[in-house]
Amino acid sequence: MRAFIASFLILSALSACKKDEPTAFEVKPKPIVLDIPADFPAASIPADNPLTEEGIYLGRKLFFDPILSGDNTISCASCHVQSAAFVDPAAQFSVGINGAVGTRNAMPLFNLAWGPGFFWDGGAKNLESQVLGPITNPVEMHENLDDAINELKAHPEYPYLFFKAFGSNSVTTANLMRAIAQFERTLISANSKYDRYIKGQTTLTDQELNGLNLFTDMNKGDCNHCHALGGLFTDFGFRNTGLDFEYADQGRYLITLNEADKGKFKTPSLRNIALTAPYMHDGRFATLMECIQHYNTGFVMHPNLDPALAFLPQGRMTPQEMEDIVAFLQTLTDSTFIYNSKFSAP
């Protein structure tokens, strides 16, 4: 009888414990639907990586955790700071572990659910594959993927978080990629002064309005040609903008090996542009005025120079007109995005 009672109590205790932890068959991550801004196109969400509450949370935690670097000192967020629209503020080149310095300026992270390619050269086809670049890059996080997975498996929290997001035996490189990509797809920015102006909720100053007109004027700024007005403020193209005659970094050519791609880099969004200095793939310009000046008088006639720029005369804008364009660009700052607690460290 005593043996029977003891066995009964042990089984009851085990049963109670199991109720606190779902089995693989009970894991049902909660689906999340992105709130798409009205002037944005439909987002492309991979069928094998749907957005879930558990997956997004896991990705967010991983994004801010230095566990993914070789010496556990830097995280994704170390070089992508929320208050600066997820760039490395004021840093021309980010510093990785052991003091290693990169060669390209950190790109901002927002509205990534619409990007057809990632990095300045488009070397990553999707957000999932993009995740591995910084982690394994020797001048960034410099981590061995097997070591990273083993650390996550030995962690007191991560195995259960992976289990909740993806089911049993889920601490894998593929699910690491999926989780961070899920979080990054939620980083939507579309609430700037310009957006509120379009909705009739505020007004622009005379200088900002003139800057907007110059932005779209084909004989002046012609910025709209590549940074499509409204929505995403980029067409995601790759362009040579006449920064140099000889490029130390050949950009898109490094991926395609096509001579016509030498010196071409991805066209970034202009949203939050006032927050993301320094500018260009190599961070050579410290201010927005320097950027506008380049497109006014500074571009060189490289063989691959974008045709839209090649046909524009240099010196076509006055100093005041350039200042007005800068004033308009400052209306593209989305302060609700940079202070959104859903995008900060959990």
C-alpha atoms as a PDB file:
ATOM      1  CA  MET A   1       0.000   0.000   0.000  1.00  0.00           C
ATOM      2  CA  ARG A   2       2.809   2.404   0.924  1.00  0.00           C
ATOM      3  CA  ALA A   3       4.536   1.682  -2.423  1.00  0.00           C
ATOM      4  CA  PHE A   4       1.270   2.320  -4.272  1.00  0.00           C
ATOM      5  CA  ILE A   5       0.732   5.671  -2.502  1.00  0.00           C
ATOM      6  CA  ALA A   6       4.330   6.754  -3.144  1.00  0.00           C
ATOM      7  CA  SER A   7       4.038   5.877  -6.819  1.00  0.00           C
ATOM      8  CA  PHE A   8       0.744   7.755  -7.057  1.00  0.00           C
ATOM      9  CA  LEU A   9       2.243  10.894  -5.491  1.00  0.00           C
ATOM     10  CA  ILE A  10       5.260  10.833  -7.815  1.00  0.00           C
ATOM     11  CA  LEU A  11       3.071  10.449 -10.897  1.00  0.00           C
ATOM     12  CA  SER A  12       0.817  13.262  -9.686  1.00  0.00           C
ATOM     13  CA  ALA A  13       3.784  15.548  -9.154  1.00  0.00           C
ATOM     14  CA  LEU A  14       5.168  14.769 -12.598  1.00  0.00           C
ATOM     15  CA  SER A  15       1.751  15.387 -14.122  1.00  0.00           C
ATOM     16  CA  ALA A  16       1.539  18.772 -12.394  1.00  0.00           C
ATOM     17  CA  CYS A  17       4.985  19.758 -13.679  1.00  0.00           C
ATOM     18  CA  LYS A  18       4.085  18.809 -17.229  1.00  0.00           C
ATOM     19  CA  LYS A  19       1.060  21.094 -17.152  1.00  0.00           C
ATOM     20  CA  ASP A  20       3.426  24.048 -16.753  1.00  0.00           C
ATOM     21  CA  GLU A  21       5.401  23.181 -19.877  1.00  0.00           C
ATOM     22  CA  PRO A  22       3.666  22.502 -23.204  1.00  0.00           C
ATOM     23  CA  THR A  23       4.546  19.395 -25.142  1.00  0.00           C
ATOM     24  CA  ALA A  24       5.653  19.580 -28.749  1.00  0.00           C
ATOM     25  CA  PHE A  25       2.077  18.797 -29.805  1.00  0.00           C
ATOM     26  CA  GLU A  26       0.683  21.650 -27.675  1.00  0.00           C
ATOM     27  CA  VAL A  27       2.980  24.371 -29.032  1.00  0.00           C
ATOM     28  CA  LYS A  28       0.793  26.805 -30.926  1.00  0.00           C
ATOM     29  CA  PRO A  29       2.580  30.120 -31.402  1.00  0.00           C
ATOM     30  CA  LYS A  30       0.207  33.077 -31.646  1.00  0.00           C
ATOM     31  CA  PRO A  31       0.055  34.482 -35.210  1.00  0.00           C
ATOM     32  CA  ILE A  32       0.806  38.194 -35.639  1.00  0.00           C
ATOM     33  CA  VAL A  33      -0.403  40.290 -38.578  1.00  0.00           C
ATOM     34  CA  LEU A  34       1.658  43.344 -39.492  1.00  0.00           C
ATOM     35  CA  ASP A  35      -0.119  46.690 -39.403  1.00  0.00           C
ATOM     36  CA  ILE A  36       0.719  47.850 -42.921  1.00  0.00           C
ATOM     37  CA  PRO A  37       0.669  51.634 -43.540  1.00  0.00           C
ATOM     38  CA  ALA A  38      -1.895  52.664 -46.128  1.00  0.00           C
ATOM     39  CA  ASP A  39       0.632  53.878 -48.715  1.00  0.00           C
ATOM     40  CA  PHE A  40       2.925  50.854 -48.381  1.00  0.00           C
ATOM     41  CA  PRO A  41       2.775  47.865 -50.736  1.00  0.00           C
ATOM     42  CA  ALA A  42       1.890  44.439 -49.389  1.00  0.00           C
ATOM     43  CA  ALA A  43       4.637  42.895 -47.291  1.00  0.00           C
ATOM     44  CA  SER A  44       6.188  39.612 -48.351  1.00  0.00           C
ATOM     45  CA  ILE A  45       6.249  37.162 -45.444  1.00  0.00           C
ATOM     46  CA  PRO A  46       7.892  33.783 -46.179  1.00  0.00           C
ATOM     47  CA  ALA A  47       5.540  30.826 -45.886  1.00  0.00           C
ATOM     48  CA  ASP A  48       8.124  28.952 -43.827  1.00  0.00           C
ATOM     49  CA  ASN A  49       8.556  31.816 -41.359  1.00  0.00           C
ATOM     50  CA  PRO A  50       5.178  33.315 -40.427  1.00  0.00           C
ATOM     51  CA  LEU A  51       5.176  36.028 -37.795  1.00  0.00           C
ATOM     52  CA  THR A  52       4.262  34.861 -34.295  1.00  0.00           C
ATOM     53  CA  GLU A  53       4.275  36.520 -30.907  1.00  0.00           C
ATOM     54  CA  GLU A  54       6.749  33.957 -29.573  1.00  0.00           C
ATOM     55  CA  GLY A  55       9.039  34.134 -32.599  1.00  0.00           C
ATOM     56  CA  ILE A  56       9.155  37.928 -32.552  1.00  0.00           C
ATOM     57  CA  TYR A  57       9.941  38.002 -28.846  1.00  0.00           C
ATOM     58  CA  LEU A  58      12.724  35.462 -29.275  1.00  0.00           C
ATOM     59  CA  GLY A  59      14.190  37.433 -32.177  1.00  0.00           C
ATOM     60  CA  ARG A  60      14.010  40.650 -30.204  1.00  0.00           C
ATOM     61  CA  LYS A  61      15.833  39.069 -27.258  1.00  0.00           C
ATOM     62  CA  LEU A  62      18.515  37.649 -29.539  1.00  0.00           C
ATOM     63  CA  PHE A  63      18.941  40.996 -31.324  1.00  0.00           C
ATOM     64  CA  PHE A  64      19.911  42.690 -28.060  1.00  0.00           C
ATOM     65  CA  ASP A  65      21.952  39.824 -26.586  1.00  0.00           C
ATOM     66  CA  PRO A  66      25.779  39.799 -26.941  1.00  0.00           C
ATOM     67  CA  ILE A  67      25.678  35.999 -26.677  1.00  0.00           C
ATOM     68  CA  LEU A  68      25.838  35.869 -30.482  1.00  0.00           C
ATOM     69  CA  SER A  69      29.320  37.438 -30.642  1.00  0.00           C
ATOM     70  CA  GLY A  70      32.553  35.505 -30.338  1.00  0.00           C
ATOM     71  CA  ASP A  71      33.523  37.012 -26.994  1.00  0.00           C
ATOM     72  CA  ASN A  72      29.992  37.882 -25.793  1.00  0.00           C
ATOM     73  CA  THR A  73      30.686  41.619 -25.830  1.00  0.00           C
ATOM     74  CA  ILE A  74      28.548  43.018 -28.661  1.00  0.00           C
ATOM     75  CA  SER A  75      25.065  42.380 -29.988  1.00  0.00           C
ATOM     76  CA  CYS A  76      23.221  43.334 -33.161  1.00  0.00           C
ATOM     77  CA  ALA A  77      21.970  46.369 -31.229  1.00  0.00           C
ATOM     78  CA  SER A  78      25.524  47.507 -30.532  1.00  0.00           C
ATOM     79  CA  CYS A  79      25.818  48.754 -34.118  1.00  0.00           C
ATOM     80  CA  HIS A  80      22.095  49.336 -34.700  1.00  0.00           C
ATOM     81  CA  VAL A  81      20.863  51.749 -32.042  1.00  0.00           C
ATOM     82  CA  GLN A  82      17.132  52.410 -31.840  1.00  0.00           C
ATOM     83  CA  SER A  83      17.417  56.112 -30.968  1.00  0.00           C
ATOM     84  CA  ALA A  84      19.315  56.605 -34.243  1.00  0.00           C
ATOM     85  CA  ALA A  85      16.859  54.607 -36.384  1.00  0.00           C
ATOM     86  CA  PHE A  86      19.016  51.523 -35.772  1.00  0.00           C
ATOM     87  CA  VAL A  87      22.314  52.805 -37.158  1.00  0.00           C
ATOM     88  CA  ASP A  88      25.621  53.251 -35.347  1.00  0.00           C
ATOM     89  CA  PRO A  89      25.289  56.952 -34.443  1.00  0.00           C
ATOM     90  CA  ALA A  90      28.110  59.182 -35.652  1.00  0.00           C
ATOM     91  CA  ALA A  91      30.344  56.183 -36.413  1.00  0.00           C
ATOM     92  CA  GLN A  92      31.733  56.032 -39.921  1.00  0.00           C
ATOM     93  CA  PHE A  93      32.682  52.397 -39.410  1.00  0.00           C
ATOM     94  CA  SER A  94      31.478  50.224 -36.544  1.00  0.00           C
ATOM     95  CA  VAL A  95      33.950  48.488 -34.254  1.00  0.00           C
ATOM     96  CA  GLY A  96      33.554  44.748 -33.808  1.00  0.00           C
ATOM     97  CA  ILE A  97      34.994  42.408 -31.207  1.00  0.00           C
ATOM     98  CA  ASN A  98      38.706  42.722 -30.439  1.00  0.00           C
ATOM     99  CA  GLY A  99      38.620  46.290 -31.793  1.00  0.00           C
ATOM    100  CA  ALA A 100      38.243  45.214 -35.430  1.00  0.00           C
ATOM    101  CA  VAL A 101      36.946  48.026 -37.663  1.00  0.00           C
ATOM    102  CA  GLY A 102      34.611  47.497 -40.614  1.00  0.00           C
ATOM    103  CA  THR A 103      34.727  49.107 -44.052  1.00  0.00           C
ATOM    104  CA  ARG A 104      31.079  50.084 -44.545  1.00  0.00           C
ATOM    105  CA  ASN A 105      28.710  52.307 -42.638  1.00  0.00           C
ATOM    106  CA  ALA A 106      25.989  50.481 -40.671  1.00  0.00           C
ATOM    107  CA  MET A 107      22.683  50.592 -42.543  1.00  0.00           C
ATOM    108  CA  PRO A 108      19.455  51.646 -40.762  1.00  0.00           C
ATOM    109  CA  LEU A 109      16.938  48.941 -39.892  1.00  0.00           C
ATOM    110  CA  PHE A 110      13.294  49.716 -40.606  1.00  0.00           C
ATOM    111  CA  ASN A 111      10.657  48.737 -43.163  1.00  0.00           C
ATOM    112  CA  LEU A 112      12.721  45.632 -43.884  1.00  0.00           C
ATOM    113  CA  ALA A 113       9.676  43.532 -44.715  1.00  0.00           C
ATOM    114  CA  TRP A 114       9.699  45.204 -48.141  1.00  0.00           C
ATOM    115  CA  GLY A 115      13.366  44.863 -49.020  1.00  0.00           C
ATOM    116  CA  PRO A 116      14.222  42.507 -51.911  1.00  0.00           C
ATOM    117  CA  GLY A 117      17.906  42.403 -50.936  1.00  0.00           C
ATOM    118  CA  PHE A 118      20.110  43.389 -48.011  1.00  0.00           C
ATOM    119  CA  PHE A 119      23.488  44.946 -47.259  1.00  0.00           C
ATOM    120  CA  TRP A 120      24.924  47.768 -49.348  1.00  0.00           C
ATOM    121  CA  ASP A 121      25.738  45.318 -52.143  1.00  0.00           C
ATOM    122  CA  GLY A 122      22.556  43.224 -51.946  1.00  0.00           C
ATOM    123  CA  GLY A 123      24.578  40.172 -50.992  1.00  0.00           C
ATOM    124  CA  ALA A 124      21.788  38.718 -48.824  1.00  0.00           C
ATOM    125  CA  LYS A 125      18.621  37.817 -50.715  1.00  0.00           C
ATOM    126  CA  ASN A 126      16.308  37.821 -47.710  1.00  0.00           C
ATOM    127  CA  LEU A 127      16.159  38.818 -44.060  1.00  0.00           C
ATOM    128  CA  GLU A 128      16.776  35.282 -42.855  1.00  0.00           C
ATOM    129  CA  SER A 129      20.100  34.931 -44.691  1.00  0.00           C
ATOM    130  CA  GLN A 130      21.037  38.506 -43.742  1.00  0.00           C
ATOM    131  CA  VAL A 131      21.117  37.492 -40.088  1.00  0.00           C
ATOM    132  CA  LEU A 132      24.216  35.336 -40.455  1.00  0.00           C
ATOM    133  CA  GLY A 133      26.437  37.961 -42.105  1.00  0.00           C
ATOM    134  CA  PRO A 134      27.216  40.127 -39.057  1.00  0.00           C
ATOM    135  CA  ILE A 135      27.362  37.143 -36.691  1.00  0.00           C
ATOM    136  CA  THR A 136      30.051  35.328 -38.672  1.00  0.00           C
ATOM    137  CA  ASN A 137      31.908  38.336 -40.103  1.00  0.00           C
ATOM    138  CA  PRO A 138      35.443  38.438 -38.570  1.00  0.00           C
ATOM    139  CA  VAL A 139      35.377  42.242 -38.233  1.00  0.00           C
ATOM    140  CA  GLU A 140      31.929  42.318 -36.675  1.00  0.00           C
ATOM    141  CA  MET A 141      30.631  39.697 -34.211  1.00  0.00           C
ATOM    142  CA  HIS A 142      33.092  36.983 -35.332  1.00  0.00           C
ATOM    143  CA  GLU A 143      31.202  33.986 -33.956  1.00  0.00           C
ATOM    144  CA  ASN A 144      31.305  30.371 -35.046  1.00  0.00           C
ATOM    145  CA  LEU A 145      27.720  29.214 -35.628  1.00  0.00           C
ATOM    146  CA  ASP A 146      28.227  25.851 -33.922  1.00  0.00           C
ATOM    147  CA  ASP A 147      29.575  27.650 -30.860  1.00  0.00           C
ATOM    148  CA  ALA A 148      26.639  30.066 -30.890  1.00  0.00           C
ATOM    149  CA  ILE A 149      24.109  27.246 -31.022  1.00  0.00           C
ATOM    150  CA  ASN A 150      25.853  25.364 -28.226  1.00  0.00           C
ATOM    151  CA  GLU A 151      25.808  28.488 -26.048  1.00  0.00           C
ATOM    152  CA  LEU A 152      22.110  28.962 -26.705  1.00  0.00           C
ATOM    153  CA  LYS A 153      21.389  25.335 -25.842  1.00  0.00           C
ATOM    154  CA  ALA A 154      23.253  25.688 -22.555  1.00  0.00           C
ATOM    155  CA  HIS A 155      21.496  28.947 -21.655  1.00  0.00           C
ATOM    156  CA  PRO A 156      18.889  28.859 -18.834  1.00  0.00           C
ATOM    157  CA  GLU A 157      16.202  30.597 -20.935  1.00  0.00           C
ATOM    158  CA  TYR A 158      16.774  30.140 -24.643  1.00  0.00           C
ATOM    159  CA  PRO A 159      15.918  26.436 -25.088  1.00  0.00           C
ATOM    160  CA  TYR A 160      12.414  27.040 -23.740  1.00  0.00           C
ATOM    161  CA  LEU A 161      11.984  30.253 -25.763  1.00  0.00           C
ATOM    162  CA  PHE A 162      12.987  28.417 -28.951  1.00  0.00           C
ATOM    163  CA  PHE A 163      10.642  25.585 -27.978  1.00  0.00           C
ATOM    164  CA  LYS A 164       7.716  27.980 -27.539  1.00  0.00           C
ATOM    165  CA  ALA A 165       8.423  29.627 -30.882  1.00  0.00           C
ATOM    166  CA  PHE A 166       9.233  26.611 -33.038  1.00  0.00           C
ATOM    167  CA  GLY A 167       8.556  23.360 -31.165  1.00  0.00           C
ATOM    168  CA  SER A 168      10.906  20.623 -29.979  1.00  0.00           C
ATOM    169  CA  ASN A 169      14.583  20.345 -30.995  1.00  0.00           C
ATOM    170  CA  SER A 170      14.365  23.928 -32.196  1.00  0.00           C
ATOM    171  CA  VAL A 171      17.662  25.542 -31.125  1.00  0.00           C
ATOM    172  CA  THR A 172      19.086  25.511 -34.630  1.00  0.00           C
ATOM    173  CA  THR A 173      20.804  27.956 -36.951  1.00  0.00           C
ATOM    174  CA  ALA A 174      17.726  28.022 -39.190  1.00  0.00           C
ATOM    175  CA  ASN A 175      15.463  29.012 -36.296  1.00  0.00           C
ATOM    176  CA  LEU A 176      17.984  31.573 -35.067  1.00  0.00           C
ATOM    177  CA  MET A 177      17.741  33.167 -38.502  1.00  0.00           C
ATOM    178  CA  ARG A 178      13.939  32.934 -38.540  1.00  0.00           C
ATOM    179  CA  ALA A 179      13.510  34.511 -35.109  1.00  0.00           C
ATOM    180  CA  ILE A 180      15.680  37.578 -35.720  1.00  0.00           C
ATOM    181  CA  ALA A 181      14.117  38.046 -39.165  1.00  0.00           C
ATOM    182  CA  GLN A 182      10.658  37.988 -37.574  1.00  0.00           C
ATOM    183  CA  PHE A 183      11.601  40.740 -35.148  1.00  0.00           C
ATOM    184  CA  GLU A 184      13.199  42.825 -37.878  1.00  0.00           C
ATOM    185  CA  ARG A 185      10.053  42.616 -40.006  1.00  0.00           C
ATOM    186  CA  THR A 186       8.098  44.352 -37.248  1.00  0.00           C
ATOM    187  CA  LEU A 187      10.364  47.447 -37.405  1.00  0.00           C
ATOM    188  CA  ILE A 188       7.934  49.625 -39.339  1.00  0.00           C
ATOM    189  CA  SER A 189       8.414  53.395 -39.546  1.00  0.00           C
ATOM    190  CA  ALA A 190       5.670  55.512 -41.148  1.00  0.00           C
ATOM    191  CA  ASN A 191       4.671  58.255 -38.730  1.00  0.00           C
ATOM    192  CA  SER A 192       6.802  61.265 -39.616  1.00  0.00           C
ATOM    193  CA  LYS A 193       5.664  64.870 -39.910  1.00  0.00           C
ATOM    194  CA  TYR A 194       5.484  64.332 -43.666  1.00  0.00           C
ATOM    195  CA  ASP A 195       3.133  61.363 -43.178  1.00  0.00           C
ATOM    196  CA  ARG A 196       0.889  63.443 -40.940  1.00  0.00           C
ATOM    197  CA  TYR A 197       0.969  66.243 -43.516  1.00  0.00           C
ATOM    198  CA  ILE A 198      -0.222  63.860 -46.233  1.00  0.00           C
ATOM    199  CA  LYS A 199      -3.074  62.793 -43.940  1.00  0.00           C
ATOM    200  CA  GLY A 200      -4.057  66.422 -43.334  1.00  0.00           C
ATOM    201  CA  GLN A 201      -3.068  66.249 -39.667  1.00  0.00           C
ATOM    202  CA  THR A 202      -0.406  68.971 -39.756  1.00  0.00           C
ATOM    203  CA  THR A 203       1.111  71.572 -42.051  1.00  0.00           C
ATOM    204  CA  LEU A 204       4.582  72.105 -43.462  1.00  0.00           C
ATOM    205  CA  THR A 205       6.445  75.386 -43.204  1.00  0.00           C
ATOM    206  CA  ASP A 206       7.062  77.422 -46.355  1.00  0.00           C
ATOM    207  CA  GLN A 207      10.676  76.232 -46.376  1.00  0.00           C
ATOM    208  CA  GLU A 208       9.659  72.583 -45.966  1.00  0.00           C
ATOM    209  CA  LEU A 209       7.091  72.910 -48.761  1.00  0.00           C
ATOM    210  CA  ASN A 210       9.635  74.493 -51.054  1.00  0.00           C
ATOM    211  CA  GLY A 211      12.039  71.679 -50.179  1.00  0.00           C
ATOM    212  CA  LEU A 212       9.357  69.143 -51.089  1.00  0.00           C
ATOM    213  CA  ASN A 213       8.842  70.828 -54.451  1.00  0.00           C
ATOM    214  CA  LEU A 214      12.587  70.896 -55.120  1.00  0.00           C
ATOM    215  CA  PHE A 215      12.825  67.245 -54.060  1.00  0.00           C
ATOM    216  CA  THR A 216      10.520  66.262 -56.937  1.00  0.00           C
ATOM    217  CA  ASP A 217      11.657  68.878 -59.478  1.00  0.00           C
ATOM    218  CA  MET A 218      13.459  67.013 -62.275  1.00  0.00           C
ATOM    219  CA  ASN A 219      15.593  70.085 -62.995  1.00  0.00           C
ATOM    220  CA  LYS A 220      16.628  70.641 -59.382  1.00  0.00           C
ATOM    221  CA  GLY A 221      16.867  67.927 -56.738  1.00  0.00           C
ATOM    222  CA  ASP A 222      15.284  65.111 -58.758  1.00  0.00           C
ATOM    223  CA  CYS A 223      15.568  63.080 -55.555  1.00  0.00           C
ATOM    224  CA  ASN A 224      12.207  61.437 -56.280  1.00  0.00           C
ATOM    225  CA  HIS A 225      13.743  59.587 -59.207  1.00  0.00           C
ATOM    226  CA  CYS A 226      15.440  57.093 -56.851  1.00  0.00           C
ATOM    227  CA  HIS A 227      13.814  57.835 -53.489  1.00  0.00           C
ATOM    228  CA  ALA A 228      10.178  57.493 -54.556  1.00  0.00           C
ATOM    229  CA  LEU A 229       8.085  60.065 -52.707  1.00  0.00           C
ATOM    230  CA  GLY A 230       5.866  58.592 -49.997  1.00  0.00           C
ATOM    231  CA  GLY A 231       5.690  55.012 -48.836  1.00  0.00           C
ATOM    232  CA  LEU A 232       9.156  53.519 -48.572  1.00  0.00           C
ATOM    233  CA  PHE A 233      11.196  56.438 -50.021  1.00  0.00           C
ATOM    234  CA  THR A 234      13.367  54.056 -52.050  1.00  0.00           C
ATOM    235  CA  ASP A 235      13.020  51.814 -55.077  1.00  0.00           C
ATOM    236  CA  PHE A 236      15.655  49.416 -53.656  1.00  0.00           C
ATOM    237  CA  GLY A 237      17.799  49.854 -56.767  1.00  0.00           C
ATOM    238  CA  PHE A 238      21.609  49.734 -56.960  1.00  0.00           C
ATOM    239  CA  ARG A 239      23.293  52.841 -58.317  1.00  0.00           C
ATOM    240  CA  ASN A 240      26.652  54.423 -58.951  1.00  0.00           C
ATOM    241  CA  THR A 241      26.241  58.013 -57.771  1.00  0.00           C
ATOM    242  CA  GLY A 242      29.623  59.325 -58.884  1.00  0.00           C
ATOM    243  CA  LEU A 243      31.372  59.222 -55.543  1.00  0.00           C
ATOM    244  CA  ASP A 244      34.742  58.256 -57.091  1.00  0.00           C
ATOM    245  CA  PHE A 245      36.491  57.513 -60.362  1.00  0.00           C
ATOM    246  CA  GLU A 246      38.139  54.502 -58.723  1.00  0.00           C
ATOM    247  CA  TYR A 247      36.217  52.739 -55.973  1.00  0.00           C
ATOM    248  CA  ALA A 248      38.132  51.065 -53.148  1.00  0.00           C
ATOM    249  CA  ASP A 249      34.889  49.171 -52.497  1.00  0.00           C
ATOM    250  CA  GLN A 250      33.324  47.987 -55.756  1.00  0.00           C
ATOM    251  CA  GLY A 251      29.892  47.437 -54.208  1.00  0.00           C
ATOM    252  CA  ARG A 252      27.397  45.409 -56.205  1.00  0.00           C
ATOM    253  CA  TYR A 253      30.156  44.178 -58.526  1.00  0.00           C
ATOM    254  CA  LEU A 254      31.517  42.027 -55.676  1.00  0.00           C
ATOM    255  CA  ILE A 255      28.293  40.020 -55.841  1.00  0.00           C
ATOM    256  CA  THR A 256      27.545  39.939 -59.577  1.00  0.00           C
ATOM    257  CA  LEU A 257      31.050  40.295 -61.113  1.00  0.00           C
ATOM    258  CA  ASN A 258      29.335  42.394 -63.764  1.00  0.00           C
ATOM    259  CA  GLU A 259      31.505  45.330 -64.896  1.00  0.00           C
ATOM    260  CA  ALA A 260      28.400  47.507 -65.154  1.00  0.00           C
ATOM    261  CA  ASP A 261      27.859  47.078 -61.394  1.00  0.00           C
ATOM    262  CA  LYS A 262      31.181  48.553 -60.307  1.00  0.00           C
ATOM    263  CA  GLY A 263      30.625  51.306 -57.769  1.00  0.00           C
ATOM    264  CA  LYS A 264      26.916  50.577 -57.380  1.00  0.00           C
ATOM    265  CA  PHE A 265      25.332  50.485 -53.942  1.00  0.00           C
ATOM    266  CA  LYS A 266      21.832  49.999 -52.641  1.00  0.00           C
ATOM    267  CA  THR A 267      19.561  53.047 -52.609  1.00  0.00           C
ATOM    268  CA  PRO A 268      18.632  53.521 -48.930  1.00  0.00           C
ATOM    269  CA  SER A 269      15.326  54.844 -47.699  1.00  0.00           C
ATOM    270  CA  LEU A 270      15.268  58.540 -46.817  1.00  0.00           C
ATOM    271  CA  ARG A 271      12.964  57.980 -43.874  1.00  0.00           C
ATOM    272  CA  ASN A 272      14.632  59.036 -40.623  1.00  0.00           C
ATOM    273  CA  ILE A 273      17.534  60.340 -42.694  1.00  0.00           C
ATOM    274  CA  ALA A 274      18.219  63.198 -40.276  1.00  0.00           C
ATOM    275  CA  LEU A 275      19.036  60.573 -37.617  1.00  0.00           C
ATOM    276  CA  THR A 276      21.317  58.297 -39.601  1.00  0.00           C
ATOM    277  CA  ALA A 277      24.516  60.289 -40.188  1.00  0.00           C
ATOM    278  CA  PRO A 278      27.137  59.762 -41.466  1.00  0.00           C
ATOM    279  CA  TYR A 279      26.015  59.046 -45.016  1.00  0.00           C
ATOM    280  CA  MET A 280      26.869  56.880 -48.041  1.00  0.00           C
ATOM    281  CA  HIS A 281      28.164  53.310 -47.960  1.00  0.00           C
ATOM    282  CA  ASP A 282      31.450  54.473 -46.468  1.00  0.00           C
ATOM    283  CA  GLY A 283      30.072  57.207 -44.211  1.00  0.00           C
ATOM    284  CA  ARG A 284      32.101  59.889 -46.005  1.00  0.00           C
ATOM    285  CA  PHE A 285      29.550  62.676 -45.538  1.00  0.00           C
ATOM    286  CA  ALA A 286      28.875  63.954 -42.039  1.00  0.00           C
ATOM    287  CA  THR A 287      25.821  66.081 -42.838  1.00  0.00           C
ATOM    288  CA  LEU A 288      22.792  66.138 -45.099  1.00  0.00           C
ATOM    289  CA  MET A 289      24.048  69.361 -46.666  1.00  0.00           C
ATOM    290  CA  GLU A 290      27.230  67.578 -47.724  1.00  0.00           C
ATOM    291  CA  CYS A 291      25.076  64.923 -49.409  1.00  0.00           C
ATOM    292  CA  ILE A 292      22.980  67.477 -51.289  1.00  0.00           C
ATOM    293  CA  GLN A 293      26.141  69.341 -52.291  1.00  0.00           C
ATOM    294  CA  HIS A 294      27.523  66.111 -53.750  1.00  0.00           C
ATOM    295  CA  TYR A 295      24.442  65.674 -55.948  1.00  0.00           C
ATOM    296  CA  ASN A 296      24.603  69.339 -56.920  1.00  0.00           C
ATOM    297  CA  THR A 297      28.282  69.803 -57.771  1.00  0.00           C
ATOM    298  CA  GLY A 298      30.317  66.904 -56.364  1.00  0.00           C
ATOM    299  CA  PHE A 299      29.514  63.840 -58.482  1.00  0.00           C
ATOM    300  CA  VAL A 300      32.104  62.594 -60.960  1.00  0.00           C
ATOM    301  CA  MET A 301      31.435  61.168 -64.413  1.00  0.00           C
ATOM    302  CA  HIS A 302      32.150  57.512 -63.724  1.00  0.00           C
ATOM    303  CA  PRO A 303      31.400  55.148 -66.658  1.00  0.00           C
ATOM    304  CA  ASN A 304      28.653  53.530 -64.548  1.00  0.00           C
ATOM    305  CA  LEU A 305      27.186  56.802 -63.259  1.00  0.00           C
ATOM    306  CA  ASP A 306      23.422  56.511 -62.936  1.00  0.00           C
ATOM    307  CA  PRO A 307      21.756  58.041 -66.043  1.00  0.00           C
ATOM    308  CA  ALA A 308      19.353  60.073 -63.924  1.00  0.00           C
ATOM    309  CA  LEU A 309      22.348  61.910 -62.456  1.00  0.00           C
ATOM    310  CA  ALA A 310      24.474  61.991 -65.591  1.00  0.00           C
ATOM    311  CA  PHE A 311      21.976  64.203 -67.412  1.00  0.00           C
ATOM    312  CA  LEU A 312      21.669  66.761 -64.603  1.00  0.00           C
ATOM    313  CA  PRO A 313      23.873  69.854 -64.823  1.00  0.00           C
ATOM    314  CA  GLN A 314      26.204  70.500 -61.924  1.00  0.00           C
ATOM    315  CA  GLY A 315      25.533  73.637 -59.900  1.00  0.00           C
ATOM    316  CA  ARG A 316      21.826  73.650 -60.735  1.00  0.00           C
ATOM    317  CA  MET A 317      20.759  74.413 -57.146  1.00  0.00           C
ATOM    318  CA  THR A 318      21.441  77.514 -55.076  1.00  0.00           C
ATOM    319  CA  PRO A 319      22.598  77.292 -51.440  1.00  0.00           C
ATOM    320  CA  GLN A 320      19.105  78.299 -50.307  1.00  0.00           C
ATOM    321  CA  GLU A 321      17.483  75.596 -52.406  1.00  0.00           C
ATOM    322  CA  MET A 322      19.769  72.984 -50.901  1.00  0.00           C
ATOM    323  CA  GLU A 323      18.894  74.204 -47.401  1.00  0.00           C
ATOM    324  CA  ASP A 324      15.208  73.919 -48.265  1.00  0.00           C
ATOM    325  CA  ILE A 325      15.634  70.296 -49.362  1.00  0.00           C
ATOM    326  CA  VAL A 326      17.414  69.550 -46.078  1.00  0.00           C
ATOM    327  CA  ALA A 327      14.483  71.152 -44.220  1.00  0.00           C
ATOM    328  CA  PHE A 328      12.090  68.832 -46.049  1.00  0.00           C
ATOM    329  CA  LEU A 329      14.231  65.773 -45.336  1.00  0.00           C
ATOM    330  CA  GLN A 330      14.026  66.581 -41.639  1.00  0.00           C
ATOM    331  CA  THR A 331      10.234  66.140 -41.832  1.00  0.00           C
ATOM    332  CA  LEU A 332      10.843  62.440 -42.500  1.00  0.00           C
ATOM    333  CA  THR A 333      11.895  61.754 -38.894  1.00  0.00           C
ATOM    334  CA  ASP A 334       9.565  59.347 -37.087  1.00  0.00           C
ATOM    335  CA  SER A 335      10.003  59.972 -33.365  1.00  0.00           C
ATOM    336  CA  THR A 336       7.345  57.397 -32.448  1.00  0.00           C
ATOM    337  CA  PHE A 337       9.511  54.751 -34.103  1.00  0.00           C
ATOM    338  CA  ILE A 338      12.707  55.531 -32.237  1.00  0.00           C
ATOM    339  CA  TYR A 339      10.878  55.543 -28.893  1.00  0.00           C
ATOM    340  CA  ASN A 340       8.651  52.517 -29.503  1.00  0.00           C
ATOM    341  CA  SER A 341       9.143  50.210 -26.513  1.00  0.00           C
ATOM    342  CA  LYS A 342       8.265  47.170 -28.649  1.00  0.00           C
ATOM    343  CA  PHE A 343      11.551  47.660 -30.474  1.00  0.00           C
ATOM    344  CA  SER A 344      13.761  48.125 -27.424  1.00  0.00           C
ATOM    345  CA  ALA A 345      15.586  45.537 -25.333  1.00  0.00           C
ATOM    346  CA  PRO A 346      13.108  43.152 -23.635  1.00  0.00           C
END
